[in-house]
Each structure stands twice: as C-alpha cells, then as structure tokens.
C-alpha cells in the first residue's frame, strides 16, 4: 500500500498523547480550571475556600467572611523544533513518532515536571533527614503522619520520589507485602498505592542546598504582630544568607491542628519566602503567618523577643514530594494559531494542549517543524504538601 502523507492533525494528536504519557507531576496536580478559573490576559485567577470556626451554644454568632484568591501567571512557553526532508512526511505516523515526536515531547514533559518539582520551596512542612534516603515504610509514614496532622484529605494523595528513593523504597518494601505485589515491585519497581499514597518516580525531583545561617546567638529581635508574614531576627556570630525554601522554627511557637486549633506538640515550621542577605538585624519573610486565633490559626503563640531561632540542617536535601492533588496547580492553555502558517494544528484534552506548526526553508530545501506548549504552575495550598527529605 502507498504511504499516506502525515497531516498536522496526526502529528498534534500523537504529540498530545505522548505529552500526557510522559508527564509525571503534570498528571498528578490540579488542572481542572475551565469552570473555576477566569482568564485575564496571561493571568488565571482562582478563588480559595472560606474557613469558619465553630461557636458554642444556641445564640447565633456572625463571622466575618474572608474571601481570598490567587493567580497563576501563564508565562512559560516551551518548544522543540527540528529539520527534516519532505520525503519523511510519507512515513507512517508510528515511524515518525518513534524518530521525532516521542523524544521531542519527552523533553517538553520534563520541563513541565521540573517546573512543578521546583515548587517545593513553597512548602513549610519538611520531614525526614536531609542526606538520608527514605528507604522503608517508616520514612514514608513520616510524610503521611504530617499530612494527617494537618487535616489533609486522605484521597488524591501522591508521593513522588527521585530515582534513588524510589528504588531503595522498593527494596525496603519487597519483604512486607503479598507475593503478587512483591512481583510487581521486583519486576517493574512499581510500588502502587501504599500508606494512603499513590507512589510515582520522577527524575526531576530537586536537590536543594539551604542558605547560610548564623553560628551563634540567633534569636528573635522583636515579636511579630498577629497575622504577620515576616519576623525580625538578630544574631551574634557568623553570617546570614537565607534562600527561598529555607525552613525555620522559633522557640515556644508550636504547630496547631488547622481545624480544631489544638497544639500538635512540636514547633511550627516556617518557610522563607524570599532570599535575604545582610548584617544583623534583618527582617525575614516567611509562610505561614503568625496567627494565634480564629479560623486561620497557624501556631500556639507568637515568638517573643530573644526566643531562639533554629534553621533546618544546611545539608543538601532531595525534596521528594508528598501532597494532595490540590496542593499544586498547572494551567496549560491552547496557544493561538498563526494565520500565515499553512501546516498547523492544535490538540487539547484533559486541560493539556500542544500546538504543531511546519514551515519550509526554500534556501536549504528543508522542512522545519516545531511543537509548542504554554503553561504556568503555582502552589495553591502549601498546607496540603510535605517535603520528604532525602
């Protein structure tokens, strides 16, 4: 049978399928934005849910409703382009996909996943030991326990591990489960669903090197105001050069259950939200806020002046991610189709979209093709995620 000329729609459909198949993080995060988002230029907005507190007794007590929203900047355009001869468009789509589309889309999928894995710097809960690879159920359970303590829904939970942690955890768990499950672990390193998590591996998990922290006399310089998202600190020895993503704790400032407000018995972790370097004293921006009352309570007390400050170990840590689907979001928008392009197509499904355009280089007798995606990523709810350090 004669070969059929490959059309732009055939390429776009194949590219979309390969993109969906090759993304890991991109398939696990929140993407259902059509009914809840409003596009404004290149920014997409989403409302965040309202929180309430329970009142005792029969008399009615009105509560002030706090409406909040966040935006996602859709600003990352990524593309892959290559040259080929006109004759190669007469291949079968399977041949063309194997040679060109699959490796091109794998590169695009990796960029999406890397962007999402980089959002670990927004998470304030970190468990595990930096520099020690999680390799057994006890390590996995640390992440599950922290999510439970923060009232994270038990459905749609994921644990995404780097290759080292994925393989070591597979080895550590192979003696725990039934024969059929053990076979899948040994043959495919497929861990499935364990401890309320659907497990996945992603080579784009980030290794994070913390900033430089004072060596002596690090303390609170002044008590933060109620609801503040920054704190003044001072020190007597060493230097301070904090990075976005560093984790701090403050003496007497414990974490609380986000629903009941009860003391959880350990220090609240705060994540630094902006790089800072300077001489003593300095004001450090952090998340969550220092809120001790009401529906948005985050900690038992606001740290007083001279309370000790402790930073997480400066050992580089692999940031494996344990999270509920709604912790992170990705918005991938259908791109505009240029009117002047004759060979073009765009395919979208499940809020993932890819565009293909082909042009002809008359000087060199070459066909030029490019695949483009346009997306943005954002941490929607840091409360719904935990870094499992490795």
Protein backbone atom coordinates (compact mmCIF):
# COMPACT_ATOMS: atom_id res chain seq x y z
CA UNK A 1 0.00 0.00 0.00
CA UNK A 2 1.26 3.54 -0.72
CA UNK A 3 2.23 5.65 2.30
CA UNK A 4 -0.22 8.32 3.43
CA UNK A 5 1.09 11.88 3.84
CA UNK A 6 1.23 12.72 7.54
CA UNK A 7 -1.04 15.65 8.36
CA UNK A 8 -0.54 18.30 11.06
CA UNK A 9 -3.55 16.93 12.95
CA UNK A 10 -1.98 13.46 13.03
CA UNK A 11 1.25 14.93 14.46
CA UNK A 12 -0.62 17.05 17.01
CA UNK A 13 -2.75 14.13 18.22
CA UNK A 14 0.31 11.90 18.57
CA UNK A 15 2.26 14.66 20.34
CA UNK A 16 -0.58 15.28 22.81
CA UNK A 17 -0.80 11.59 23.65
CA UNK A 18 2.96 11.38 24.18
CA UNK A 19 2.93 14.53 26.34
CA UNK A 20 0.26 13.10 28.62
CA UNK A 21 2.07 9.76 28.80
CA UNK A 22 5.46 11.26 29.67
CA UNK A 23 4.46 13.78 32.35
CA UNK A 24 4.59 12.59 35.97
CA UNK A 25 3.94 15.61 38.19
CA UNK A 26 1.96 17.23 35.38
CA UNK A 27 -0.61 14.41 35.59
CA UNK A 28 -0.95 14.48 39.39
CA UNK A 29 -1.65 18.13 40.14
CA UNK A 30 -4.76 20.28 39.87
CA UNK A 31 -5.61 21.09 36.23
CA UNK A 32 -9.41 21.34 36.19
CA UNK A 33 -9.64 25.08 35.73
CA UNK A 34 -12.20 25.62 32.99
CA UNK A 35 -15.20 26.06 35.29
CA UNK A 36 -13.44 27.75 38.19
CA UNK A 37 -10.82 29.95 36.57
CA UNK A 38 -11.24 33.20 34.68
CA UNK A 39 -8.58 34.07 32.13
CA UNK A 40 -7.38 37.68 32.31
CA UNK A 41 -4.64 38.24 29.76
CA UNK A 42 -1.88 35.82 30.68
CA UNK A 43 -3.04 35.51 34.29
CA UNK A 44 -5.55 32.95 35.53
CA UNK A 45 -7.36 33.58 38.83
CA UNK A 46 -8.86 31.11 41.30
CA UNK A 47 -10.87 31.68 44.46
CA UNK A 48 -9.68 29.94 47.61
CA UNK A 49 -12.18 28.36 50.02
CA UNK A 50 -13.57 30.20 53.03
CA UNK A 51 -12.79 28.86 56.54
CA UNK A 52 -15.07 29.05 59.59
CA UNK A 53 -14.81 28.43 63.32
CA UNK A 54 -17.48 26.66 65.39
CA UNK A 55 -19.38 28.64 68.06
CA UNK A 56 -20.66 27.06 71.31
CA UNK A 57 -24.26 27.34 72.48
CA UNK A 58 -27.61 28.30 70.98
CA UNK A 59 -27.14 32.05 70.37
CA UNK A 60 -26.06 32.77 66.80
CA UNK A 61 -22.67 34.41 66.26
CA UNK A 62 -21.93 36.04 62.93
CA UNK A 63 -18.45 35.53 61.49
CA UNK A 64 -16.61 37.85 59.20
CA UNK A 65 -16.08 36.08 55.89
CA UNK A 66 -12.58 36.38 54.47
CA UNK A 67 -12.60 35.89 50.69
CA UNK A 68 -9.21 35.27 49.11
CA UNK A 69 -7.93 34.32 45.71
CA UNK A 70 -4.67 33.58 44.00
CA UNK A 71 -3.45 33.93 40.45
CA UNK A 72 -1.37 31.77 38.15
CA UNK A 73 0.85 33.51 35.65
CA UNK A 74 0.82 31.52 32.41
CA UNK A 75 4.22 32.67 31.21
CA UNK A 76 6.25 29.60 30.27
CA UNK A 77 6.33 28.88 26.56
CA UNK A 78 8.47 25.87 25.71
CA UNK A 79 9.10 24.43 22.29
CA UNK A 80 11.11 21.83 20.42
CA UNK A 81 12.00 22.31 16.74
CA UNK A 82 13.79 20.21 14.14
CA UNK A 83 14.52 19.92 10.41
CA UNK A 84 13.70 17.02 8.12
CA UNK A 85 13.15 16.30 4.46
CA UNK A 86 9.79 16.41 2.71
CA UNK A 87 10.07 12.70 1.95
CA UNK A 88 9.94 11.88 5.65
CA UNK A 89 6.36 13.11 5.87
CA UNK A 90 5.39 9.99 3.93
CA UNK A 91 6.40 7.73 6.81
CA UNK A 92 3.74 6.07 8.89
CA UNK A 93 2.79 8.09 11.97
CA UNK A 94 4.26 5.30 14.11
CA UNK A 95 7.66 5.62 12.41
CA UNK A 96 7.56 9.42 12.55
CA UNK A 97 6.58 9.36 16.20
CA UNK A 98 9.35 6.99 17.19
CA UNK A 99 12.00 9.01 15.38
CA UNK A 100 10.89 12.56 16.15
CA UNK A 101 7.73 13.15 18.16
CA UNK A 102 8.40 10.92 21.17
CA UNK A 103 11.89 12.26 22.02
CA UNK A 104 10.74 15.84 21.39
CA UNK A 105 7.72 15.54 23.66
CA UNK A 106 9.73 13.75 26.37
CA UNK A 107 11.90 16.88 26.57
CA UNK A 108 8.81 19.10 26.87
CA UNK A 109 7.26 16.85 29.54
CA UNK A 110 10.47 17.02 31.57
CA UNK A 111 10.33 20.82 31.55
CA UNK A 112 6.76 20.74 32.89
CA UNK A 113 7.69 18.29 35.64
CA UNK A 114 10.83 20.22 36.57
CA UNK A 115 8.79 23.41 36.97
CA UNK A 116 6.32 21.65 39.25
CA UNK A 117 9.01 19.91 41.32
CA UNK A 118 10.63 23.31 41.84
CA UNK A 119 7.57 24.42 43.83
CA UNK A 120 8.97 22.55 46.85
CA UNK A 121 10.32 25.93 48.05
CA UNK A 122 6.73 26.97 48.87
CA UNK A 123 6.16 24.11 51.35
CA UNK A 124 6.72 24.76 55.05
CA UNK A 125 6.37 21.18 56.31
CA UNK A 126 9.55 19.12 55.94
CA UNK A 127 10.06 15.64 57.43
CA UNK A 128 12.81 13.07 57.15
CA UNK A 129 16.56 13.51 57.43
CA UNK A 130 18.43 15.62 54.87
CA UNK A 131 21.09 13.46 53.24
CA UNK A 132 19.44 10.15 54.23
CA UNK A 133 17.44 8.41 51.51
CA UNK A 134 13.93 7.28 52.62
CA UNK A 135 14.11 3.51 52.27
CA UNK A 136 11.36 1.93 54.39
CA UNK A 137 7.74 2.27 55.41
CA UNK A 138 8.69 4.29 58.50
CA UNK A 139 10.15 7.03 56.27
CA UNK A 140 7.04 7.08 54.10
CA UNK A 141 4.87 7.17 57.23
CA UNK A 142 6.50 10.42 58.39
CA UNK A 143 5.02 12.20 55.40
CA UNK A 144 1.62 10.55 55.85
CA UNK A 145 1.53 11.45 59.55
CA UNK A 146 2.31 15.10 58.87
CA UNK A 147 -0.45 15.31 56.24
CA UNK A 148 -2.90 13.68 58.66
CA UNK A 149 -1.95 16.13 61.42
CA UNK A 150 -2.68 18.97 59.04
CA UNK A 151 -6.12 17.56 58.14
CA UNK A 152 -5.22 16.93 54.50
CA UNK A 153 -7.92 14.86 52.71
CA UNK A 154 -6.99 11.19 52.53
CA UNK A 155 -7.99 10.77 48.88
CA UNK A 156 -5.90 12.00 45.91
CA UNK A 157 -2.64 11.86 47.84
CA UNK A 158 0.62 11.31 45.95
CA UNK A 159 4.22 10.68 46.90
CA UNK A 160 6.69 11.49 44.13
CA UNK A 161 10.22 10.20 44.67
CA UNK A 162 13.54 10.68 42.94
CA UNK A 163 15.06 7.53 41.36
CA UNK A 164 17.31 6.74 44.33
CA UNK A 165 14.47 6.90 46.83
CA UNK A 166 12.10 5.02 44.52
CA UNK A 167 14.49 2.09 44.11
CA UNK A 168 15.57 1.96 47.76
CA UNK A 169 11.97 2.12 48.94
CA UNK A 170 11.07 -0.68 46.53
CA UNK A 171 13.86 -2.80 48.02
CA UNK A 172 12.82 -1.90 51.57
CA UNK A 173 9.18 -2.83 50.98
CA UNK A 174 9.57 -6.03 48.99
CA UNK A 175 9.52 -8.23 52.11
CA UNK A 176 6.39 -6.64 53.54
CA UNK A 177 3.66 -7.45 51.02
CA UNK A 178 1.92 -10.38 49.40
CA UNK A 179 3.61 -12.36 46.64
CA UNK A 180 1.80 -10.72 43.71
CA UNK A 181 2.64 -7.23 44.96
CA UNK A 182 6.24 -8.26 45.59
CA UNK A 183 6.49 -9.50 41.98
CA UNK A 184 5.40 -6.12 40.64
CA UNK A 185 7.90 -4.36 42.92
CA UNK A 186 10.81 -6.57 41.84
CA UNK A 187 9.96 -6.72 38.11
CA UNK A 188 8.85 -3.15 37.49
CA UNK A 189 9.76 -1.21 40.68
CA UNK A 190 6.04 -0.43 40.69
CA UNK A 191 5.03 0.49 44.21
CA UNK A 192 1.35 1.26 43.55
CA UNK A 193 -0.67 2.62 46.46
CA UNK A 194 0.95 2.41 49.89
CA UNK A 195 0.05 4.17 53.12
CA UNK A 196 -2.70 6.32 51.55
CA UNK A 197 -0.30 7.44 48.79
CA UNK A 198 -0.19 6.67 45.09
CA UNK A 199 3.57 6.45 44.54
CA UNK A 200 5.42 7.67 41.46
CA UNK A 201 9.01 8.28 40.41
CA UNK A 202 10.30 11.45 38.78
CA UNK A 203 13.91 12.21 37.91
CA UNK A 204 13.09 15.91 38.15
CA UNK A 205 12.81 15.90 41.96
CA UNK A 206 15.02 18.78 43.11
CA UNK A 207 18.15 18.59 45.28
CA UNK A 208 18.04 21.72 47.46
CA UNK A 209 21.07 23.36 49.08
CA UNK A 210 20.00 25.60 52.01
CA UNK A 211 21.41 29.05 52.63
CA UNK A 212 23.94 30.12 55.27
CA UNK A 213 22.67 30.53 58.83
CA UNK A 214 24.23 32.30 61.86
CA UNK A 215 26.55 30.23 64.04
CA UNK A 216 25.74 31.89 67.37
CA UNK A 217 23.14 33.98 69.15
CA UNK A 218 20.40 33.62 66.53
CA UNK A 219 17.18 34.94 68.09
CA UNK A 220 14.00 36.89 67.51
CA UNK A 221 14.67 40.63 67.55
CA UNK A 222 11.04 41.70 68.07
CA UNK A 223 7.79 39.79 68.47
CA UNK A 224 5.84 39.72 65.18
CA UNK A 225 2.35 41.23 65.06
CA UNK A 226 -0.72 38.99 64.92
CA UNK A 227 -1.11 37.74 61.36
CA UNK A 228 2.34 38.96 60.28
CA UNK A 229 4.16 37.18 57.45
CA UNK A 230 7.62 38.38 58.46
CA UNK A 231 9.80 38.35 61.56
CA UNK A 232 12.80 40.40 62.72
CA UNK A 233 15.84 38.33 63.73
CA UNK A 234 19.30 39.07 65.14
CA UNK A 235 22.50 37.12 65.79
CA UNK A 236 25.92 37.46 67.38
CA UNK A 237 28.10 35.12 65.32
CA UNK A 238 28.50 34.12 61.71
CA UNK A 239 26.57 35.36 58.69
CA UNK A 240 23.01 35.12 57.45
CA UNK A 241 22.22 34.46 53.80
CA UNK A 242 18.84 32.75 53.62
CA UNK A 243 17.28 31.37 50.45
CA UNK A 244 13.66 30.97 49.43
CA UNK A 245 12.78 27.49 50.68
CA UNK A 246 14.85 27.50 53.90
CA UNK A 247 12.98 26.19 56.94
CA UNK A 248 12.97 27.98 60.32
CA UNK A 249 11.47 27.27 63.73
CA UNK A 250 11.06 29.56 66.75
CA UNK A 251 11.12 28.59 70.42
CA UNK A 252 7.66 28.17 72.05
CA UNK A 253 5.88 28.62 68.69
CA UNK A 254 4.17 25.25 68.18
CA UNK A 255 2.15 23.95 65.25
CA UNK A 256 -1.62 23.56 65.61
CA UNK A 257 -4.34 21.42 64.07
CA UNK A 258 -5.80 23.68 61.34
CA UNK A 259 -9.39 22.70 62.15
CA UNK A 260 -9.50 22.44 65.95
CA UNK A 261 -6.58 24.75 66.70
CA UNK A 262 -5.18 22.21 69.19
CA UNK A 263 -1.45 22.21 69.94
CA UNK A 264 0.31 19.45 67.94
CA UNK A 265 3.23 19.31 70.38
CA UNK A 266 6.07 20.26 68.03
CA UNK A 267 7.45 23.54 66.71
CA UNK A 268 5.71 25.09 63.74
CA UNK A 269 7.95 25.10 60.69
CA UNK A 270 8.04 28.28 58.62
CA UNK A 271 9.42 28.53 55.08
CA UNK A 272 11.42 31.56 53.98
CA UNK A 273 9.60 33.15 51.02
CA UNK A 274 12.33 35.47 49.69
CA UNK A 275 16.12 35.44 49.59
CA UNK A 276 17.79 37.69 52.14
CA UNK A 277 21.39 38.58 52.98
CA UNK A 278 22.68 41.23 55.37
CA UNK A 279 24.08 42.24 58.73
CA UNK A 280 22.17 41.92 61.99
CA UNK A 281 19.27 42.57 62.46
CA UNK A 282 17.20 41.52 59.45
CA UNK A 283 13.50 41.06 58.69
CA UNK A 284 12.75 37.67 57.13
CA UNK A 285 9.61 36.98 55.07
CA UNK A 286 8.01 33.63 55.98
CA UNK A 287 4.95 31.45 55.45
CA UNK A 288 2.54 30.70 57.10
CA UNK A 289 1.58 33.80 59.05
CA UNK A 290 1.94 34.17 62.83
CA UNK A 291 -1.78 33.77 63.57
CA UNK A 292 -2.83 32.54 67.02
CA UNK A 293 -6.63 32.89 66.96
CA UNK A 294 -9.62 32.32 64.69
CA UNK A 295 -10.28 30.05 61.73
CA UNK A 296 -6.86 30.68 60.20
CA UNK A 297 -4.85 29.90 63.35
CA UNK A 298 -1.38 28.56 62.48
CA UNK A 299 0.56 28.48 65.77
CA UNK A 300 0.12 28.42 69.54
CA UNK A 301 1.98 31.64 70.30
CA UNK A 302 3.88 34.36 68.51
CA UNK A 303 7.59 34.03 69.34
CA UNK A 304 8.72 36.67 71.84
CA UNK A 305 11.80 38.84 71.56
CA UNK A 306 15.01 36.85 72.27
CA UNK A 307 13.30 33.50 71.54
CA UNK A 308 15.78 31.12 69.89
CA UNK A 309 15.69 30.65 66.12
CA UNK A 310 16.69 27.31 64.60
CA UNK A 311 17.24 26.63 60.90
CA UNK A 312 17.00 23.20 59.28
CA UNK A 313 20.35 21.47 58.74
CA UNK A 314 22.39 23.01 55.94
CA UNK A 315 22.91 19.56 54.39
CA UNK A 316 21.67 19.41 50.80
CA UNK A 317 18.33 17.58 50.75
CA UNK A 318 16.43 15.82 47.99
CA UNK A 319 12.92 17.24 48.03
CA UNK A 320 10.64 14.23 47.47
CA UNK A 321 7.07 15.49 47.45
CA UNK A 322 4.08 14.16 49.40
CA UNK A 323 0.95 16.11 48.54
CA UNK A 324 -2.74 16.26 47.89
CA UNK A 325 -3.69 16.95 44.29
CA UNK A 326 -4.88 20.47 45.13
CA UNK A 327 -1.55 21.49 46.64
CA UNK A 328 -0.13 22.41 43.24
CA UNK A 329 -1.74 23.60 40.02
CA UNK A 330 -0.75 23.68 36.40
CA UNK A 331 -2.55 25.69 33.75
CA UNK A 332 -1.72 24.77 30.15
CA UNK A 333 -3.57 26.97 27.68
CA UNK A 334 -4.27 26.33 23.98
CA UNK A 335 -1.91 28.58 22.01
CA UNK A 336 -3.01 30.94 19.28
CA UNK A 337 -2.74 29.65 15.72
CA UNK A 338 -0.82 32.00 13.37
CA UNK A 339 -2.88 32.83 10.31
CA UNK A 340 0.07 32.71 7.92
CA UNK A 341 1.02 29.12 8.75
CA UNK A 342 -0.42 26.62 6.31
CA UNK A 343 0.67 23.39 8.03
CA UNK A 344 -0.62 23.76 11.59
CA UNK A 345 -2.76 22.03 14.19
CA UNK A 346 -3.58 22.19 17.89
CA UNK A 347 -4.86 19.42 20.11
CA UNK A 348 -6.21 19.68 23.65
CA UNK A 349 -7.54 17.13 26.12
CA UNK A 350 -7.86 16.98 29.91
CA UNK A 351 -6.57 20.57 30.14
CA UNK A 352 -3.32 19.70 28.36
CA UNK A 353 -2.63 21.32 24.99
CA UNK A 354 0.07 21.28 22.32
CA UNK A 355 0.49 23.11 19.02
CA UNK A 356 2.34 22.00 15.89
CA UNK A 357 3.49 24.29 13.07
CA UNK A 358 5.55 23.45 9.97
CA UNK A 359 7.31 25.78 7.57
CA UNK A 360 9.55 25.29 4.51
CA UNK A 361 13.11 26.58 4.20
CA UNK A 362 13.41 27.20 0.47
CA UNK A 363 17.12 28.08 0.69
CA UNK A 364 18.12 24.69 2.10
CA UNK A 365 15.22 22.53 0.89
CA UNK A 366 14.29 21.57 4.44
CA UNK A 367 11.04 21.23 6.31
CA UNK A 368 11.04 22.86 9.76
CA UNK A 369 8.61 21.78 12.43
CA UNK A 370 8.05 22.97 15.98
CA UNK A 371 5.95 21.77 18.89
CA UNK A 372 4.89 24.39 21.46
CA UNK A 373 3.24 24.37 24.86
CA UNK A 374 2.23 27.36 27.03
CA UNK A 375 1.76 26.81 30.75
CA UNK A 376 2.09 28.17 34.26
CA UNK A 377 2.49 26.47 37.64
CA UNK A 378 1.63 27.58 41.16
CA UNK A 379 1.42 26.26 44.69
CA UNK A 380 -2.25 26.72 45.54
CA UNK A 381 -2.30 25.40 49.10
CA UNK A 382 1.11 24.88 50.79
CA UNK A 383 -0.81 23.33 53.71
CA UNK A 384 -1.58 20.30 51.55
CA UNK A 385 2.04 19.31 50.90
CA UNK A 386 5.08 17.95 52.71
CA UNK A 387 8.70 17.63 51.62
CA UNK A 388 10.09 14.19 52.43
CA UNK A 389 13.80 14.99 52.71
CA UNK A 390 16.35 12.58 51.36
